[in-house]
Amino acid sequence: MPHDMADLMAFLAVAEDRSFTRAAARMGVSQSALSHTIRRLETRLGVRLLARTTRSVSATEAGQRLLESIGPHFSEIEAELDALNALRDRPAGSIRINTGEHAANSVLWPRLRPFLARYPDIRLELSIDNGLVDIVEQRFDAGVRLGEQIARDMVAVRIGPDWRFAAVASPGYFEHHSKPQSPDDLTAHDCINLRLRTYGGLYAWEFARDGRPLNVHVAGRLTFSSTAPALAAALDGFGLANVPEDMAELHIRAGRLVRVLEDWSPSWVGYHLYYPSRRQASPAFALLVDALRYRS
């Protein structure tokens, strides 16, 4: 590939990811090589395209103009190249999906295992992020979130059933604490908190009864950024955790966890795969959507 095209693609990757680290990982090159490529492009054009600080990377005015002018064209080229895969004997291509940890483990991976075995020429990248990201800006082909979290201008395909949270603690914990009878009782308990970037702080436990929602801000010694360690801490007797029901189910049945406030636990709309309505679906992407589609 001529230097001009390669350098422009490198610039697009850094400008869209706003990070040399993420862009280098996506392109499969070192950060130093990517930095050299950007300096070479800036030298050749005679303008600064990216403003760098110790914490972030952002496009300058010239860089933003270049990004807006060439970005759509490169996206069209990528879509056309993907479309050519329809002429192959076996579907091929790369697909990038942004998803949360629970969806990746409970819904995506069980269906991706047979899918990837069936289509060995399809490459897949799963970006695990419990916060909400702009999949268009970050150049993801699709995202996975709960149905109510998806913007209306997106195509949404249901890929999982409705589910609930379960408030749980170990039997040993309840040897020293009474079981809460209502969400208000949680203020007297050592609860394991969850800090989600999307909410900008600690996640308030969400309950509902007779159609009336009730959110409770809990307190305790432990805070995690994902549910897996919160569940582990509950199993070890460090307090009450509020985790997806399917994660706790086996432990509840085995007697390792005790569930409380079950009649206060509302149902959540299941996970959906979503993507821009203007996205031109490649054969590989269409096959993936069909493989993930929820069939009750």
Protein backbone atom coordinates (compact mmCIF):
# COMPACT_ATOMS: atom_id res chain seq x y z
CA MET A 1 0.00 0.00 0.00
CA PRO A 2 1.42 3.44 -0.89
CA HIS A 3 2.63 5.52 2.01
CA ASP A 4 -0.18 8.08 1.51
CA MET A 5 -2.97 5.54 1.98
CA ALA A 6 -1.26 3.72 4.86
CA ASP A 7 -0.50 7.00 6.63
CA LEU A 8 -4.07 8.23 6.23
CA MET A 9 -5.45 4.98 7.63
CA ALA A 10 -3.10 5.31 10.60
CA PHE A 11 -4.31 8.87 11.20
CA LEU A 12 -7.97 7.77 11.03
CA ALA A 13 -7.35 5.02 13.58
CA VAL A 14 -5.70 7.36 16.10
CA ALA A 15 -8.21 10.19 15.57
CA GLU A 16 -11.21 7.90 15.97
CA ASP A 17 -9.84 5.93 18.93
CA ARG A 18 -8.34 9.12 20.49
CA SER A 19 -5.52 6.92 21.67
CA PHE A 20 -2.21 5.75 20.20
CA THR A 21 -2.39 2.68 22.46
CA ARG A 22 -5.82 1.51 21.26
CA ALA A 23 -5.13 2.38 17.63
CA ALA A 24 -1.79 0.53 17.64
CA ALA A 25 -3.44 -2.56 19.16
CA ARG A 26 -6.22 -2.47 16.57
CA MET A 27 -3.74 -2.12 13.69
CA GLY A 28 -1.30 -4.67 15.05
CA VAL A 29 1.69 -2.30 15.13
CA SER A 30 3.83 -0.80 17.89
CA GLN A 31 3.01 2.61 19.35
CA SER A 32 6.42 3.96 18.31
CA ALA A 33 5.85 2.86 14.69
CA LEU A 34 2.40 4.43 14.68
CA SER A 35 3.74 7.68 16.18
CA HIS A 36 6.45 7.77 13.48
CA THR A 37 3.81 7.30 10.78
CA ILE A 38 1.73 10.21 12.08
CA ARG A 39 4.78 12.50 12.29
CA ARG A 40 5.68 11.56 8.71
CA LEU A 41 2.17 12.46 7.52
CA GLU A 42 2.16 15.76 9.43
CA THR A 43 5.59 16.65 8.01
CA ARG A 44 4.48 15.89 4.49
CA LEU A 45 1.27 17.94 4.84
CA GLY A 46 2.97 20.74 6.78
CA VAL A 47 0.23 20.94 9.46
CA ARG A 48 -0.32 19.45 12.91
CA LEU A 49 -3.16 16.93 12.76
CA LEU A 50 -3.23 15.64 16.33
CA ALA A 51 -2.87 17.42 19.67
CA ARG A 52 -1.13 15.13 22.16
CA THR A 53 -1.11 15.38 25.95
CA THR A 54 0.01 12.89 28.56
CA ARG A 55 -3.62 11.77 28.98
CA SER A 56 -5.34 12.14 25.65
CA VAL A 57 -5.12 12.60 21.91
CA SER A 58 -7.49 14.83 19.96
CA ALA A 59 -7.71 16.12 16.42
CA THR A 60 -6.61 19.69 15.72
CA GLU A 61 -8.78 21.91 13.51
CA ALA A 62 -6.88 20.65 10.47
CA GLY A 63 -7.08 17.08 11.72
CA GLN A 64 -10.83 17.31 12.29
CA ARG A 65 -11.32 18.66 8.78
CA LEU A 66 -9.29 15.79 7.33
CA LEU A 67 -11.17 13.26 9.47
CA GLU A 68 -14.57 14.51 8.32
CA SER A 69 -13.55 14.65 4.66
CA ILE A 70 -11.84 11.29 4.22
CA GLY A 71 -13.41 9.19 6.99
CA PRO A 72 -16.68 8.44 5.15
CA HIS A 73 -14.80 7.48 1.99
CA PHE A 74 -12.64 4.97 3.82
CA SER A 75 -15.76 3.52 5.45
CA GLU A 76 -17.30 3.08 1.99
CA ILE A 77 -14.15 1.38 0.75
CA GLU A 78 -14.17 -1.00 3.72
CA ALA A 79 -17.85 -1.81 3.09
CA GLU A 80 -17.19 -2.56 -0.58
CA LEU A 81 -14.22 -4.77 0.28
CA ASP A 82 -16.40 -6.66 2.74
CA ALA A 83 -19.07 -7.02 0.06
CA LEU A 84 -16.55 -8.75 -2.19
CA ASN A 85 -16.44 -11.55 0.33
CA ALA A 86 -19.84 -12.59 -1.02
CA LEU A 87 -17.95 -13.89 -4.06
CA ARG A 88 -15.83 -16.21 -1.92
CA ASP A 89 -16.64 -19.85 -1.37
CA ARG A 90 -16.56 -19.23 2.39
CA PRO A 91 -17.75 -16.05 4.16
CA ALA A 92 -14.90 -13.92 5.48
CA GLY A 93 -14.22 -10.57 7.07
CA SER A 94 -13.63 -8.80 10.37
CA ILE A 95 -16.38 -7.85 12.83
CA ARG A 96 -15.90 -5.65 15.90
CA ILE A 97 -18.51 -5.73 18.69
CA ASN A 98 -18.68 -3.69 21.88
CA THR A 99 -20.43 -5.44 24.77
CA GLY A 100 -20.72 -5.64 28.52
CA GLU A 101 -19.15 -8.44 30.53
CA HIS A 102 -22.39 -10.21 31.48
CA ALA A 103 -23.74 -10.22 27.92
CA ALA A 104 -20.43 -11.53 26.60
CA ASN A 105 -20.41 -14.46 29.01
CA SER A 106 -24.11 -15.33 29.18
CA VAL A 107 -25.33 -14.70 25.62
CA LEU A 108 -22.58 -14.03 23.11
CA TRP A 109 -19.89 -16.62 23.72
CA PRO A 110 -22.21 -19.67 23.92
CA ARG A 111 -23.45 -18.83 20.40
CA LEU A 112 -20.16 -17.60 19.02
CA ARG A 113 -18.37 -20.88 19.72
CA PRO A 114 -20.29 -22.87 17.07
CA PHE A 115 -20.47 -19.84 14.76
CA LEU A 116 -16.70 -19.37 14.67
CA ALA A 117 -16.13 -23.11 14.24
CA ARG A 118 -18.48 -23.09 11.24
CA TYR A 119 -16.94 -19.99 9.60
CA PRO A 120 -13.16 -20.12 10.17
CA ASP A 121 -12.46 -17.17 7.84
CA ILE A 122 -14.51 -14.72 9.90
CA ARG A 123 -12.45 -12.76 12.42
CA LEU A 124 -14.14 -11.35 15.50
CA GLU A 125 -13.11 -8.75 18.09
CA LEU A 126 -15.12 -8.43 21.30
CA SER A 127 -14.46 -5.26 23.28
CA ILE A 128 -15.66 -5.80 26.85
CA ASP A 129 -16.81 -2.50 28.35
CA ASN A 130 -19.48 -2.11 31.03
CA GLY A 131 -19.98 1.55 30.09
CA LEU A 132 -21.96 2.84 27.13
CA VAL A 133 -19.85 3.89 24.15
CA ASP A 134 -20.64 5.49 20.80
CA ILE A 135 -20.20 2.52 18.47
CA VAL A 136 -20.17 4.75 15.38
CA GLU A 137 -17.46 7.05 16.72
CA GLN A 138 -15.39 4.11 17.96
CA ARG A 139 -15.83 2.27 14.64
CA PHE A 140 -17.53 -0.81 16.03
CA ASP A 141 -19.73 -2.80 13.67
CA ALA A 142 -22.26 -3.40 16.43
CA GLY A 143 -22.89 -3.18 20.15
CA VAL A 144 -24.77 -5.27 22.69
CA ARG A 145 -26.89 -3.68 25.43
CA LEU A 146 -30.24 -4.07 27.18
CA GLY A 147 -33.20 -3.17 25.00
CA GLU A 148 -34.11 0.04 26.85
CA GLN A 149 -30.56 1.44 26.49
CA ILE A 150 -30.52 1.51 22.69
CA ALA A 151 -30.99 4.73 20.72
CA ARG A 152 -33.98 4.81 18.39
CA ASP A 153 -31.91 5.47 15.28
CA MET A 154 -30.27 2.04 15.60
CA VAL A 155 -31.38 -1.31 14.23
CA ALA A 156 -31.91 -3.58 17.27
CA VAL A 157 -32.06 -7.37 17.13
CA ARG A 158 -33.04 -9.26 20.28
CA ILE A 159 -30.41 -11.86 21.18
CA GLY A 160 -31.39 -12.93 24.71
CA PRO A 161 -34.36 -13.47 27.05
CA ASP A 162 -35.53 -11.12 29.78
CA TRP A 163 -33.64 -11.54 33.05
CA ARG A 164 -33.52 -10.29 36.64
CA PHE A 165 -31.00 -9.33 39.28
CA ALA A 166 -30.65 -11.41 42.43
CA ALA A 167 -29.67 -9.96 45.82
CA VAL A 168 -27.59 -12.67 47.50
CA ALA A 169 -25.27 -13.34 50.41
CA SER A 170 -23.63 -16.41 51.93
CA PRO A 171 -25.31 -18.44 54.71
CA GLY A 172 -22.40 -17.42 56.96
CA TYR A 173 -23.20 -13.73 56.43
CA PHE A 174 -26.79 -14.29 57.59
CA GLU A 175 -25.59 -16.01 60.74
CA HIS A 176 -24.68 -12.51 61.96
CA HIS A 177 -27.23 -10.38 60.06
CA SER A 178 -31.00 -10.58 59.74
CA LYS A 179 -32.41 -11.04 56.25
CA PRO A 180 -33.76 -7.80 54.73
CA GLN A 181 -37.53 -7.84 54.28
CA SER A 182 -37.64 -4.76 52.05
CA PRO A 183 -35.06 -2.78 50.05
CA ASP A 184 -35.08 -0.10 52.76
CA ASP A 185 -33.52 -2.64 55.15
CA LEU A 186 -30.37 -2.72 53.01
CA THR A 187 -29.12 0.44 54.73
CA ALA A 188 -28.30 -1.72 57.76
CA HIS A 189 -26.28 -4.23 55.71
CA ASP A 190 -22.73 -4.48 54.37
CA CYS A 191 -23.49 -4.31 50.63
CA ILE A 192 -21.01 -4.84 47.81
CA ASN A 193 -21.14 -1.84 45.50
CA LEU A 194 -20.72 -1.64 41.73
CA ARG A 195 -19.17 1.41 40.11
CA LEU A 196 -20.20 1.79 36.47
CA ARG A 197 -18.64 4.42 34.23
CA THR A 198 -21.98 4.99 32.50
CA TYR A 199 -23.65 6.12 35.71
CA GLY A 200 -20.74 8.32 36.75
CA GLY A 201 -20.74 6.81 40.23
CA LEU A 202 -22.00 3.92 42.29
CA TYR A 203 -24.86 1.92 40.82
CA ALA A 204 -28.11 2.25 42.80
CA TRP A 205 -29.77 -1.12 43.29
CA GLU A 206 -33.04 -1.12 41.36
CA PHE A 207 -36.18 -2.74 42.75
CA ALA A 208 -39.89 -2.59 41.96
CA ARG A 209 -43.16 -3.78 43.47
CA ASP A 210 -46.75 -3.36 42.28
CA GLY A 211 -45.39 -1.35 39.36
CA ARG A 212 -43.60 1.15 41.63
CA PRO A 213 -39.82 1.40 41.20
CA LEU A 214 -37.52 1.86 44.18
CA ASN A 215 -33.81 2.64 43.85
CA VAL A 216 -31.56 2.17 46.87
CA HIS A 217 -28.04 3.57 47.31
CA VAL A 218 -26.26 0.94 49.35
CA ALA A 219 -23.05 1.13 51.38
CA GLY A 220 -20.33 -1.32 52.31
CA ARG A 221 -16.63 -1.98 52.48
CA LEU A 222 -16.20 -3.29 48.93
CA THR A 223 -16.69 -1.71 45.51
CA PHE A 224 -15.99 -3.36 42.16
CA SER A 225 -16.33 -2.33 38.52
CA SER A 226 -17.86 -5.63 37.40
CA THR A 227 -20.21 -8.25 38.81
CA ALA A 228 -17.90 -11.31 38.77
CA PRO A 229 -15.71 -10.18 41.71
CA ALA A 230 -18.81 -8.92 43.55
CA LEU A 231 -20.27 -12.41 43.32
CA ALA A 232 -17.00 -13.94 44.53
CA ALA A 233 -16.95 -11.57 47.52
CA ALA A 234 -20.53 -12.53 48.41
CA LEU A 235 -19.60 -16.22 48.27
CA ASP A 236 -16.74 -15.48 50.67
CA GLY A 237 -19.13 -13.90 53.16
CA PHE A 238 -18.20 -10.23 52.70
CA GLY A 239 -21.75 -8.97 52.27
CA LEU A 240 -24.77 -8.74 50.01
CA ALA A 241 -24.27 -8.52 46.26
CA ASN A 242 -26.79 -7.69 43.54
CA VAL A 243 -25.85 -9.72 40.46
CA PRO A 244 -27.59 -11.11 37.36
CA GLU A 245 -29.78 -14.04 38.33
CA ASP A 246 -28.10 -16.55 36.03
CA MET A 247 -24.70 -15.89 37.65
CA ALA A 248 -25.99 -16.77 41.10
CA GLU A 249 -28.45 -19.55 40.23
CA LEU A 250 -26.12 -22.56 40.64
CA HIS A 251 -24.74 -21.20 43.92
CA ILE A 252 -28.26 -20.65 45.26
CA ARG A 253 -29.28 -24.20 44.36
CA ALA A 254 -26.13 -25.60 45.96
CA GLY A 255 -26.77 -23.65 49.17
CA ARG A 256 -23.65 -21.52 48.84
CA LEU A 257 -25.77 -18.36 48.51
CA VAL A 258 -29.10 -17.26 49.96
CA ARG A 259 -31.37 -15.05 47.88
CA VAL A 260 -33.38 -12.24 49.45
CA LEU A 261 -35.92 -9.67 48.22
CA GLU A 262 -36.83 -11.89 45.26
CA ASP A 263 -40.37 -10.49 45.11
CA TRP A 264 -38.87 -7.01 44.75
CA SER A 265 -36.75 -7.95 41.71
CA PRO A 266 -38.13 -6.61 38.40
CA SER A 267 -37.57 -8.11 34.97
CA TRP A 268 -35.17 -6.42 32.54
CA VAL A 269 -35.64 -6.36 28.79
CA GLY A 270 -33.16 -8.84 27.30
CA TYR A 271 -29.94 -8.06 25.46
CA HIS A 272 -30.06 -6.74 21.90
CA LEU A 273 -27.44 -6.49 19.19
CA TYR A 274 -27.63 -3.00 17.70
CA TYR A 275 -25.99 -1.25 14.76
CA PRO A 276 -26.53 1.89 12.62
CA SER A 277 -29.49 1.69 10.26
CA ARG A 278 -27.30 3.01 7.44
CA ARG A 279 -24.77 0.22 7.87
CA GLN A 280 -24.31 -1.88 4.73
CA ALA A 281 -24.35 -5.44 6.06
CA SER A 282 -21.59 -7.70 4.75
CA PRO A 283 -22.37 -11.41 4.25
CA ALA A 284 -20.28 -12.22 7.34
CA PHE A 285 -22.18 -9.69 9.47
CA ALA A 286 -25.55 -10.92 8.22
CA LEU A 287 -24.61 -14.48 9.19
CA LEU A 288 -23.54 -13.29 12.64
CA VAL A 289 -26.83 -11.45 13.22
CA ASP A 290 -28.80 -14.55 12.26
CA ALA A 291 -26.67 -16.76 14.54
CA LEU A 292 -27.19 -14.44 17.51
CA ARG A 293 -30.91 -13.78 16.97
CA TYR A 294 -32.98 -14.89 19.97
CA ARG A 295 -35.52 -17.58 19.21
CA SER A 296 -37.77 -18.22 22.22
